Structures are given as structure tokens and as C-alpha cells.
Protein backbone atom coordinates (compact mmCIF):
# COMPACT_ATOMS: atom_id res chain seq x y z
CA MET A 1 38.02 -42.55 50.26
CA LYS A 2 40.38 -45.35 49.22
CA ILE A 3 38.65 -48.66 48.61
CA SER A 4 39.31 -51.97 46.87
CA LEU A 5 36.99 -54.58 45.38
CA ILE A 6 38.12 -58.20 45.44
CA GLY A 7 36.28 -59.81 42.54
CA THR A 8 35.16 -58.15 39.30
CA GLY A 9 32.02 -60.04 38.39
CA TYR A 10 28.66 -58.32 37.92
CA VAL A 11 28.55 -57.05 41.50
CA GLY A 12 32.21 -56.18 42.03
CA LEU A 13 32.71 -54.40 38.72
CA VAL A 14 29.54 -52.32 39.00
CA THR A 15 30.24 -51.51 42.66
CA GLY A 16 33.83 -50.43 42.06
CA THR A 17 32.98 -48.38 38.99
CA CYS A 18 30.09 -46.56 40.65
CA PHE A 19 32.15 -45.77 43.75
CA ALA A 20 34.76 -44.24 41.43
CA GLU A 21 32.03 -42.29 39.65
CA VAL A 22 31.11 -40.48 42.89
CA GLY A 23 34.74 -39.59 43.61
CA HIS A 24 36.32 -42.43 45.57
CA ASP A 25 39.68 -43.97 44.60
CA VAL A 26 39.03 -47.59 43.65
CA ILE A 27 41.23 -50.61 42.93
CA CYS A 28 39.43 -53.64 41.45
CA VAL A 29 41.18 -56.96 42.00
CA ASP A 30 40.65 -60.18 40.06
CA CYS A 31 42.65 -63.40 39.81
CA ASP A 32 41.85 -63.64 36.08
CA ALA A 33 44.80 -61.90 34.41
CA ALA A 34 43.08 -61.86 31.02
CA LYS A 35 40.04 -60.10 32.46
CA VAL A 36 42.22 -57.53 34.22
CA GLU A 37 44.11 -56.84 31.00
CA LEU A 38 40.82 -56.46 29.11
CA LEU A 39 39.56 -53.95 31.68
CA ARG A 40 42.81 -52.00 31.66
CA ASN A 41 42.46 -51.64 27.90
CA GLY A 42 38.92 -50.28 28.11
CA GLY A 43 37.09 -53.54 27.41
CA VAL A 44 34.26 -54.94 29.50
CA PRO A 45 33.66 -58.70 30.06
CA ILE A 46 29.91 -58.29 30.61
CA TYR A 47 27.12 -56.27 29.06
CA GLU A 48 25.48 -53.86 31.49
CA PRO A 49 23.92 -50.63 30.18
CA GLY A 50 26.10 -47.61 30.94
CA LEU A 51 28.91 -49.59 32.56
CA GLU A 52 31.49 -49.49 29.77
CA GLU A 53 31.28 -45.71 29.48
CA LEU A 54 31.68 -45.23 33.24
CA ILE A 55 34.69 -47.55 33.37
CA GLN A 56 36.47 -45.72 30.57
CA LYS A 57 35.61 -42.34 32.11
CA ASN A 58 36.91 -43.19 35.58
CA VAL A 59 40.02 -45.02 34.37
CA ALA A 60 40.89 -41.90 32.38
CA ALA A 61 40.28 -39.75 35.46
CA GLY A 62 42.64 -41.91 37.52
CA ARG A 63 40.00 -42.95 40.05
CA LEU A 64 39.64 -46.56 38.86
CA SER A 65 42.37 -49.15 38.33
CA PHE A 66 42.67 -52.92 37.99
CA THR A 67 45.16 -55.46 39.35
CA THR A 68 45.59 -59.18 39.95
CA SER A 69 47.25 -58.54 43.32
CA THR A 70 45.05 -58.82 46.41
CA LYS A 71 48.03 -57.61 48.45
CA GLU A 72 48.16 -54.38 46.42
CA GLY A 73 44.43 -53.86 46.77
CA VAL A 74 44.51 -54.32 50.53
CA GLU A 75 47.62 -52.20 51.13
CA LYS A 76 46.34 -49.24 49.10
CA SER A 77 42.82 -49.08 50.56
CA ASP A 78 41.11 -48.37 53.87
CA ILE A 79 37.95 -50.31 53.02
CA VAL A 80 38.17 -53.73 51.32
CA PHE A 81 35.06 -55.18 49.67
CA ILE A 82 34.71 -58.90 49.05
CA ALA A 83 32.63 -59.55 45.92
CA VAL A 84 33.58 -63.10 44.96
CA PRO A 85 31.27 -65.84 43.66
CA THR A 86 29.22 -67.90 46.11
CA PRO A 87 28.03 -70.70 43.79
CA PRO A 88 25.45 -73.30 44.79
CA LEU A 89 26.38 -76.80 45.92
CA PRO A 90 24.36 -79.87 44.86
CA ASP A 91 22.36 -79.86 48.11
CA GLY A 92 21.31 -76.21 47.65
CA SER A 93 23.75 -74.78 50.18
CA VAL A 94 26.43 -72.26 49.21
CA ASP A 95 30.08 -72.87 48.35
CA LEU A 96 31.97 -70.43 50.56
CA SER A 97 35.47 -71.56 49.58
CA TYR A 98 36.12 -68.38 47.53
CA MET A 99 34.97 -66.27 50.47
CA GLU A 100 37.23 -68.14 52.89
CA GLY A 101 40.18 -67.95 50.50
CA VAL A 102 39.87 -64.19 50.04
CA ALA A 103 39.48 -63.67 53.80
CA ARG A 104 42.77 -65.50 54.29
CA ASP A 105 44.45 -63.44 51.55
CA ILE A 106 43.24 -60.21 53.14
CA ALA A 107 44.47 -61.36 56.54
CA GLY A 108 47.90 -62.08 55.11
CA ALA A 109 48.14 -58.65 53.49
CA MET A 110 46.89 -56.51 56.39
CA THR A 111 49.44 -54.41 58.27
CA GLN A 112 47.08 -51.75 59.67
CA TYR A 113 43.40 -51.27 60.51
CA LYS A 114 40.98 -52.14 57.68
CA ILE A 115 37.24 -52.35 57.24
CA VAL A 116 36.43 -55.59 55.41
CA VAL A 117 33.02 -55.46 53.73
CA ASP A 118 31.16 -58.52 52.54
CA LYS A 119 29.29 -57.58 49.34
CA SER A 120 28.66 -61.14 48.15
CA THR A 121 25.34 -62.82 48.92
CA VAL A 122 26.11 -65.23 51.76
CA PRO A 123 24.28 -67.27 54.41
CA VAL A 124 23.62 -65.71 57.79
CA LYS A 125 26.58 -65.94 60.17
CA THR A 126 29.12 -65.78 57.31
CA GLY A 127 30.35 -62.40 58.55
CA GLU A 128 31.20 -63.93 61.89
CA LYS A 129 33.17 -66.66 60.10
CA VAL A 130 35.01 -64.09 57.95
CA ALA A 131 36.01 -62.19 61.10
CA GLU A 132 37.17 -65.42 62.73
CA THR A 133 39.22 -66.37 59.64
CA ILE A 134 40.94 -62.98 59.40
CA ARG A 135 41.70 -63.04 63.11
CA ARG A 136 43.21 -66.52 62.79
CA TYR A 137 45.41 -65.83 59.74
CA CYS A 138 46.46 -62.20 60.34
CA LYS A 139 50.07 -62.51 61.50
CA SER A 140 50.41 -58.80 62.26
CA LYS A 141 47.41 -58.99 64.64
CA VAL A 142 46.16 -55.53 63.63
CA GLU A 143 42.64 -54.31 64.38
CA PHE A 144 39.90 -54.68 61.77
CA ASP A 145 36.13 -54.70 61.39
CA VAL A 146 33.89 -56.90 59.26
CA VAL A 147 30.75 -55.40 57.74
CA SER A 148 27.87 -56.92 55.76
CA ASN A 149 26.71 -54.59 52.98
CA PRO A 150 24.36 -56.59 50.71
CA GLU A 151 23.72 -55.47 47.15
CA PHE A 152 20.28 -55.03 45.63
CA LEU A 153 21.23 -54.69 41.96
CA ARG A 154 19.09 -55.86 39.07
CA GLU A 155 21.10 -57.10 36.10
CA GLY A 156 20.33 -54.81 33.20
CA PHE A 157 19.72 -51.90 35.58
CA ALA A 158 22.67 -52.35 37.93
CA VAL A 159 24.38 -48.99 37.33
CA GLU A 160 21.13 -47.11 37.84
CA ASP A 161 20.31 -49.16 40.94
CA PHE A 162 23.72 -48.53 42.49
CA LEU A 163 23.78 -44.79 41.81
CA LYS A 164 20.17 -44.32 42.93
CA PRO A 165 19.60 -46.93 45.65
CA ASP A 166 16.32 -47.21 47.54
CA ARG A 167 18.20 -48.21 50.71
CA ILE A 168 21.69 -49.03 51.95
CA VAL A 169 22.02 -51.82 54.50
CA ILE A 170 25.05 -51.89 56.77
CA GLY A 171 25.41 -54.82 59.16
CA VAL A 172 28.10 -54.56 61.84
CA LEU A 173 29.65 -56.50 64.70
CA SER A 174 30.56 -53.23 66.45
CA GLN A 175 29.80 -49.54 65.96
CA ARG A 176 33.40 -48.66 65.06
CA PRO A 177 33.04 -48.87 61.22
CA VAL A 178 29.63 -47.18 61.00
CA ALA A 179 30.87 -43.61 60.57
CA ALA A 180 33.26 -44.58 57.77
CA MET A 181 30.56 -46.57 55.98
CA ARG A 182 28.14 -43.64 56.23
CA GLU A 183 30.83 -41.35 54.78
CA LEU A 184 31.48 -43.82 51.96
CA TYR A 185 27.81 -43.81 50.97
CA ALA A 186 27.12 -40.12 51.65
CA PRO A 187 27.17 -39.16 47.91
CA PHE A 188 24.21 -41.47 47.21
CA HIS A 189 21.64 -39.65 49.38
CA ALA A 190 19.72 -42.80 50.29
CA PRO A 191 18.31 -44.09 53.59
CA VAL A 192 20.97 -45.99 55.56
CA ILE A 193 19.85 -48.91 57.69
CA VAL A 194 22.37 -50.00 60.33
CA THR A 195 21.75 -53.46 61.77
CA ASP A 196 23.63 -56.29 63.41
CA ILE A 197 25.59 -58.31 60.88
CA ASN A 198 23.32 -61.37 60.97
CA SER A 199 20.22 -59.29 60.22
CA ALA A 200 21.92 -57.67 57.21
CA GLU A 201 22.78 -61.08 55.78
CA LEU A 202 19.22 -62.31 56.27
CA ILE A 203 17.78 -59.17 54.61
CA LYS A 204 19.41 -60.06 51.30
CA HIS A 205 18.17 -63.65 51.14
CA ALA A 206 14.75 -62.66 52.45
CA SER A 207 14.39 -59.94 49.79
CA ASN A 208 15.28 -62.15 46.84
CA SER A 209 13.15 -65.03 48.11
CA PHE A 210 10.14 -62.75 48.52
CA LEU A 211 10.52 -61.45 44.96
CA ALA A 212 10.77 -65.02 43.67
CA LEU A 213 7.61 -65.82 45.65
CA LYS A 214 5.84 -62.90 43.99
CA ILE A 215 6.77 -64.17 40.52
CA SER A 216 5.61 -67.68 41.32
CA TYR A 217 2.37 -66.30 42.76
CA ILE A 218 1.42 -64.53 39.53
CA ASN A 219 2.49 -67.57 37.50
CA ALA A 220 0.21 -69.75 39.62
CA LEU A 221 -2.59 -67.23 39.01
CA SER A 222 -1.90 -67.47 35.27
CA ILE A 223 -2.99 -71.12 35.40
CA LEU A 224 -6.31 -70.10 36.96
CA CYS A 225 -6.70 -67.37 34.35
CA GLU A 226 -6.22 -69.79 31.47
CA SER A 227 -8.70 -72.24 33.01
CA SER A 228 -11.35 -69.58 33.64
CA GLY A 229 -10.94 -67.34 30.58
CA ALA A 230 -9.55 -64.44 32.61
CA ASN A 231 -6.58 -62.26 31.61
CA VAL A 232 -3.59 -62.48 33.96
CA GLN A 233 -2.35 -59.02 32.94
CA GLU A 234 -5.63 -57.42 33.96
CA VAL A 235 -5.59 -59.39 37.20
CA ALA A 236 -2.01 -58.27 37.88
CA ASN A 237 -2.92 -54.64 37.19
CA GLY A 238 -5.86 -54.88 39.54
CA ILE A 239 -3.97 -56.35 42.47
CA GLY A 240 -0.81 -54.35 41.73
CA MET A 241 -2.59 -51.04 42.24
CA ASP A 242 -2.91 -51.93 45.91
CA PRO A 243 0.06 -50.04 47.44
CA ARG A 244 0.56 -52.86 49.92
CA ILE A 245 1.31 -55.20 46.98
CA GLY A 246 2.67 -53.13 44.06
CA ARG A 247 2.76 -54.02 40.37
CA ARG A 248 6.45 -54.94 40.01
CA PHE A 249 7.34 -58.64 39.68
CA LEU A 250 3.75 -59.48 38.76
CA ASP A 251 4.33 -60.36 35.10
CA ALA A 252 3.42 -63.93 34.19
CA SER A 253 6.22 -65.60 32.26
CA LEU A 254 8.30 -68.72 31.77
CA GLY A 255 9.47 -68.31 35.37
CA PHE A 256 12.44 -66.69 37.07
CA GLY A 257 16.05 -67.57 36.31
CA GLY A 258 19.49 -66.00 36.39
CA SER A 259 22.32 -66.35 38.87
CA CYS A 260 20.48 -64.88 41.86
CA PHE A 261 16.89 -65.94 42.47
CA PRO A 262 17.26 -69.72 41.95
CA LYS A 263 20.53 -69.85 43.90
CA ASP A 264 19.40 -67.58 46.72
CA LEU A 265 16.08 -69.38 47.07
CA SER A 266 17.80 -72.77 47.40
CA ALA A 267 20.33 -71.30 49.82
CA PHE A 268 17.63 -69.72 52.00
CA ILE A 269 15.72 -73.00 52.18
CA LYS A 270 18.95 -74.71 53.26
CA ILE A 271 19.78 -71.97 55.75
CA ALA A 272 16.32 -72.36 57.31
CA GLU A 273 16.81 -76.13 57.46
CA GLN A 274 20.14 -75.71 59.24
CA LEU A 275 18.44 -73.38 61.72
CA GLY A 276 15.74 -75.97 62.37
CA TYR A 277 12.89 -74.65 60.20
CA ASP A 278 11.27 -76.26 57.16
CA PHE A 279 10.57 -73.32 54.83
CA ALA A 280 7.92 -75.24 52.88
CA LEU A 281 6.51 -72.03 51.39
CA LEU A 282 9.74 -71.43 49.49
CA ARG A 283 9.96 -75.04 48.34
CA GLU A 284 6.53 -74.52 46.76
CA VAL A 285 7.85 -71.38 45.04
CA GLN A 286 10.53 -73.57 43.45
CA ARG A 287 7.97 -76.18 42.39
CA ILE A 288 5.71 -73.58 40.75
CA ASN A 289 8.68 -72.14 38.87
CA THR A 290 9.63 -75.52 37.44
CA HIS A 291 6.00 -76.34 36.65
CA GLN A 292 5.60 -73.08 34.73
CA MET A 293 8.25 -74.10 32.20
CA ASP A 294 6.77 -77.60 32.00
CA ARG A 295 3.36 -76.11 31.12
CA PHE A 296 4.77 -73.82 28.44
CA PHE A 297 6.78 -76.62 26.83
CA LYS A 298 3.66 -78.80 26.87
CA LYS A 299 1.79 -76.08 24.92
CA ILE A 300 4.44 -76.25 22.20
CA VAL A 301 4.33 -80.05 22.04
CA GLU A 302 0.53 -80.21 21.99
CA THR A 303 0.36 -77.64 19.19
CA LEU A 304 3.20 -78.93 16.99
CA TRP A 305 2.75 -82.63 17.95
CA VAL A 306 6.12 -83.98 16.74
CA LEU A 307 9.10 -81.66 17.31
CA LYS A 308 11.71 -83.74 15.49
CA GLN A 309 13.03 -81.84 12.47
CA LYS A 310 10.58 -78.98 13.11
CA LYS A 311 12.25 -75.62 12.54
CA ILE A 312 11.55 -73.26 15.47
CA GLY A 313 12.65 -69.65 15.83
CA VAL A 314 13.49 -68.42 19.33
CA LEU A 315 13.70 -64.75 20.28
CA GLY A 316 15.70 -64.28 23.46
CA LEU A 317 18.48 -66.24 25.15
CA ALA A 318 19.45 -64.09 28.14
CA PHE A 319 17.57 -64.79 31.35
CA LYS A 320 16.06 -61.29 31.19
CA GLN A 321 16.26 -58.10 29.16
CA ASN A 322 19.25 -55.70 29.16
CA THR A 323 21.88 -58.32 29.97
CA ASP A 324 24.01 -60.91 28.22
CA ASP A 325 23.80 -63.26 31.21
CA VAL A 326 22.60 -66.75 30.25
CA ARG A 327 23.20 -68.43 33.61
CA MET A 328 20.13 -70.49 34.56
CA SER A 329 18.19 -68.73 31.80
CA PRO A 330 14.65 -70.01 31.21
CA ALA A 331 15.22 -69.30 27.51
CA ILE A 332 18.26 -71.60 27.44
CA ASP A 333 16.33 -74.26 29.36
CA LEU A 334 13.53 -74.08 26.79
CA CYS A 335 15.94 -74.26 23.85
CA GLN A 336 17.66 -77.30 25.34
CA ARG A 337 14.30 -79.04 25.81
CA LEU A 338 13.40 -78.31 22.19
CA GLN A 339 16.74 -79.60 20.95
CA LYS A 340 16.38 -82.76 23.00
CA GLU A 341 13.18 -83.47 21.08
CA GLY A 342 14.98 -83.00 17.76
CA ALA A 343 13.84 -79.46 16.90
CA LEU A 344 16.06 -77.31 14.65
CA LEU A 345 16.53 -73.86 16.20
CA ARG A 346 17.06 -70.42 14.70
CA VAL A 347 17.84 -68.03 17.58
CA HIS A 348 18.40 -64.34 18.19
CA ASP A 349 19.29 -62.24 21.22
CA PRO A 350 20.48 -58.61 21.13
CA LYS A 351 23.41 -59.29 23.49
CA ALA A 352 23.60 -62.93 24.62
CA MET A 353 24.18 -64.97 21.46
CA GLU A 354 27.93 -65.29 21.93
CA LYS A 355 27.66 -66.54 25.50
CA ALA A 356 24.81 -68.89 24.56
CA ARG A 357 26.82 -70.72 21.89
CA ALA A 358 28.60 -72.90 24.46
CA LEU A 359 25.26 -74.03 25.90
CA LEU A 360 23.43 -74.46 22.60
CA PRO A 361 25.46 -76.35 19.99
CA ASP A 362 24.02 -76.75 16.53
CA VAL A 363 21.70 -73.74 16.61
CA THR A 364 21.59 -71.13 13.87
CA CYS A 365 22.31 -67.68 15.31
CA VAL A 366 20.49 -65.00 13.32
CA PRO A 367 21.71 -61.38 13.66
CA ASP A 368 18.40 -59.84 12.53
CA MET A 369 15.42 -60.53 14.79
CA ASN A 370 13.04 -60.10 11.85
CA ALA A 371 14.73 -62.95 9.97
CA VAL A 372 14.52 -65.49 12.79
CA ALA A 373 11.07 -66.72 11.74
CA ASP A 374 12.04 -67.35 8.10
CA GLY A 375 11.03 -70.89 7.11
CA CYS A 376 10.00 -71.78 10.64
CA ASP A 377 7.13 -73.98 11.79
CA ALA A 378 6.76 -71.85 14.92
CA LEU A 379 8.22 -68.81 16.66
CA VAL A 380 8.87 -68.53 20.42
CA ILE A 381 9.45 -65.37 22.47
CA ALA A 382 11.54 -66.39 25.46
CA THR A 383 13.02 -63.12 26.81
CA GLU A 384 11.25 -59.80 27.35
CA TRP A 385 13.59 -57.58 25.32
CA PRO A 386 11.56 -54.42 24.54
CA GLN A 387 12.70 -54.40 20.90
CA PHE A 388 10.87 -57.67 20.34
CA LYS A 389 7.61 -55.71 20.63
CA LYS A 390 8.65 -54.06 17.35
CA LEU A 391 8.98 -57.38 15.56
CA ASP A 392 7.64 -57.21 12.00
CA VAL A 393 4.92 -59.77 12.67
CA GLU A 394 3.36 -59.45 9.22
CA ARG A 395 6.70 -60.33 7.63
CA ALA A 396 7.08 -63.20 10.07
CA ARG A 397 3.65 -64.56 9.11
CA ARG A 398 4.52 -64.42 5.41
CA MET A 399 7.91 -66.08 5.84
CA MET A 400 6.87 -68.86 8.23
CA THR A 401 5.83 -72.31 7.09
CA HIS A 402 3.06 -72.12 9.69
CA PRO A 403 2.15 -68.83 11.50
CA ILE A 404 2.33 -70.17 15.07
CA LEU A 405 3.63 -67.94 17.86
CA PHE A 406 4.31 -69.00 21.45
CA ASP A 407 4.68 -65.83 23.52
CA GLY A 408 6.41 -66.69 26.80
CA ARG A 409 6.52 -63.03 27.86
CA ASN A 410 3.06 -61.79 26.84
CA LEU A 411 4.49 -59.08 24.58
CA PHE A 412 1.65 -59.08 22.06
CA ASP A 413 -2.11 -58.71 22.17
CA PRO A 414 -3.87 -62.06 21.59
CA GLU A 415 -6.76 -60.60 19.58
CA GLU A 416 -4.45 -58.62 17.29
CA MET A 417 -2.24 -61.63 16.65
CA GLU A 418 -5.21 -63.87 15.86
CA ASN A 419 -6.60 -61.21 13.51
CA LEU A 420 -3.27 -61.30 11.68
CA GLY A 421 -3.75 -65.02 11.13
CA PHE A 422 -1.49 -66.44 13.86
CA ILE A 423 -2.16 -69.38 16.08
CA TYR A 424 -1.15 -67.50 19.19
CA LYS A 425 -0.36 -69.04 22.60
CA SER A 426 0.63 -66.85 25.55
CA ILE A 427 0.58 -67.23 29.35
CA GLY A 428 -2.52 -66.70 31.47
CA ARG A 429 -4.59 -65.18 28.66
């Protein structure tokens, strides 16, 4: 099938590339000429495991191309995906100006029937507004359909998630586009859920908000564990074995971050408010998430007392493992708090150091994770990169001014670290 993706961010680029991988002809459109040129030359603007190889493979095969022209993308495709940013506004609602602008561009370029698919995460009833906008600005007055097809991709695992989805949600205003959408997704062999368009839009926000709730729940439990001498990991294993609950998203940490959970949670609270409901449960999820970072930072201050001129090593800058994304990263938040108190930071991240530089001036970026602790008064683990578990902790202890480790991701065993001579502080243990 012939499809186009308007927007080549994390969602659009992964979506377009994976559709090409299963045999569709894909045009990816972006207004950033430099990004398009980079992609045409085999470069990738983001780090996502497996993505670069798939882009190069499908460009070479002629199934994937890039352009700055929305008109070209619309004219050469039967199905047009919108995957533009929907950033948060100060009041927690969503800025839909990019969505509206692309809908108008699509309307101006349409000369025959198209299926317009909203892939961006948007408030309920956005699909109806997109349809209204296209109808208003389409001079040729051709037929079209608008579909909501939310993504459920985890950064760091997005290619795997797209190629092996657990479900595909298709929200429609009429049944006309359903057959084509089923055909589009046939190579993925996953359950297809067809709903009305408003339900599909709610599914996305409801899913992300529930996962954020689950993270805040285990973080709240970590406070009880610390106060009672229990181990939050053992508690999580015990409740996670219940199939009604599941173990995923039950790892106590610094809290959730990234470009999705915080934004979608705020948006869902605002959506509920606009629909006449005070979603107080989700506001408490936000409060717990903020409080979790406050508690961890307090541990550092109480242990080190004065942070000014203290040298602190930080492992991890991305908001999670397997990505270079530092947007709303708890690790960046922590580093900024430390810097505000006058701490001198030595930092390392396998993929995110370059993007973090703009947010963290005056830090020392260290290419070798085992050298981060050299000369430091304390070491902090802020992101759950699996390679950090292989840190040479004995070397770190020898090279540090004081062997103090704050483990914000519970990567190490408390007893083993204390036996090695560390003052070891983790979460919920």
C-alpha cells in the first residue's frame, strides 16, 4: 500500500520505517530540511535500537523516501498519517496548532479520496475537529475519512513494539476505511480493535495514565518499605505475580519522565476537567512522582550535608534506558538540582550526553562509565542502563574521595555494596 507520514519524530520515523519493512511504499514528510537531508543520506536524528539499520535497508530497497513537501506526500499516497508534536501548554492542556496546520495542508493537497490517520497522541474529539478542518479547507471537496490509530511504542523498544504489537486500535467515524486499515496492518498478525473515534483517542490517554499510576503506586510503597524495613523489590515481585496485576512498571525509582507520561497525564487531567470530572486520582499520581524526586534529593543532601563544591558522579542522563531522549528526564532534573546547590558534576550516559549538554552547562562529560567516580565525593545512578550493572564498583571505591553511592534505580544489592565498604542508599530497601 502507498502511505505517507507527516512528521518524522520518534513516532513518525519508527512508524514509517516499520511499514516499509513489511512491504508498504512509504514517504516520510518533515518541514525540517536538515533532518530530511540527514535521513536521505542514511543518518538518523534519534537513537532507537535497530532503527538506523532498517532505514538504510528500506531506503536502499526503494520502499522508504523522505521529503519536505506535504503536497508530494499526500498526492503519492492513499493513506496519510499525521504524526506531529502535540506539546503541553502551561495549563496542562495540549497545543494542537501543529495538528490543525497539517490538517489544513492535507486538505489543500487532496484531489481524490484519502484516509487521514491521526497517529499523534491527542485529546478526545480531536479526530472530529480534524475532519471538520479538512472539510472546511478542501477546495476540491473530495471524499475522505479520518481515523484514530494511537501508538503504543516504548522508547528504546519502539521498533520491536511496532513490528510485534500486542494490539492495534482503529477508531473510525464510519466503516468505510476499516477494510483498508485492516489490510495495512495485516502483516503484523495482531488483534485489531475497531472502535468509534472518540474511544480510540481515550484508550491512548487512559493507557499511559494507568501505567503512570502503577509507577507512582510502587514508589509510594517504597516509602512504606523504607519506614518498615521491608524490601520494595520483594514486595513488587510478590504482588506482580498476580496475573491481574503483572510485574511490569513496578520498579521503584526516581519517578517517571520522558515526553509521554508527564504530558499525557496532565492532558488527561485537563480533558477530564473539560468534560466536567475532577480526576483527583491522577493529580495524586503527579504529586507522588514529584515527591519521589524530592525524597531522593533529600537523601543526598542529608548524607553529604553541604553540596557546594562537592564533586558528584552521575551515571545516566536519558529519561530511561535504550534511548538518547532527555526530555523531562528525572536524571536531568536531579543534575540541575545538584548544580543549583553548587555541586560539580561528572556525568556519563551511553547515548544521551550530546543532547544533555544544552541542558547541563558546566558538567564534565566522561566517555568511560568506570571513570565517572574518579575523585568524587559521591556517585549517583540515575538511569537504568543495563551496562551500569557491570560497573567496576571496586575501582570506583578506590578512586572516590568517599565511597558513597546513591542508587536511584536499585541496580545493586545493598548488602553486597555495604560489604564492599560503600555507604549505599537506594529506594525502598
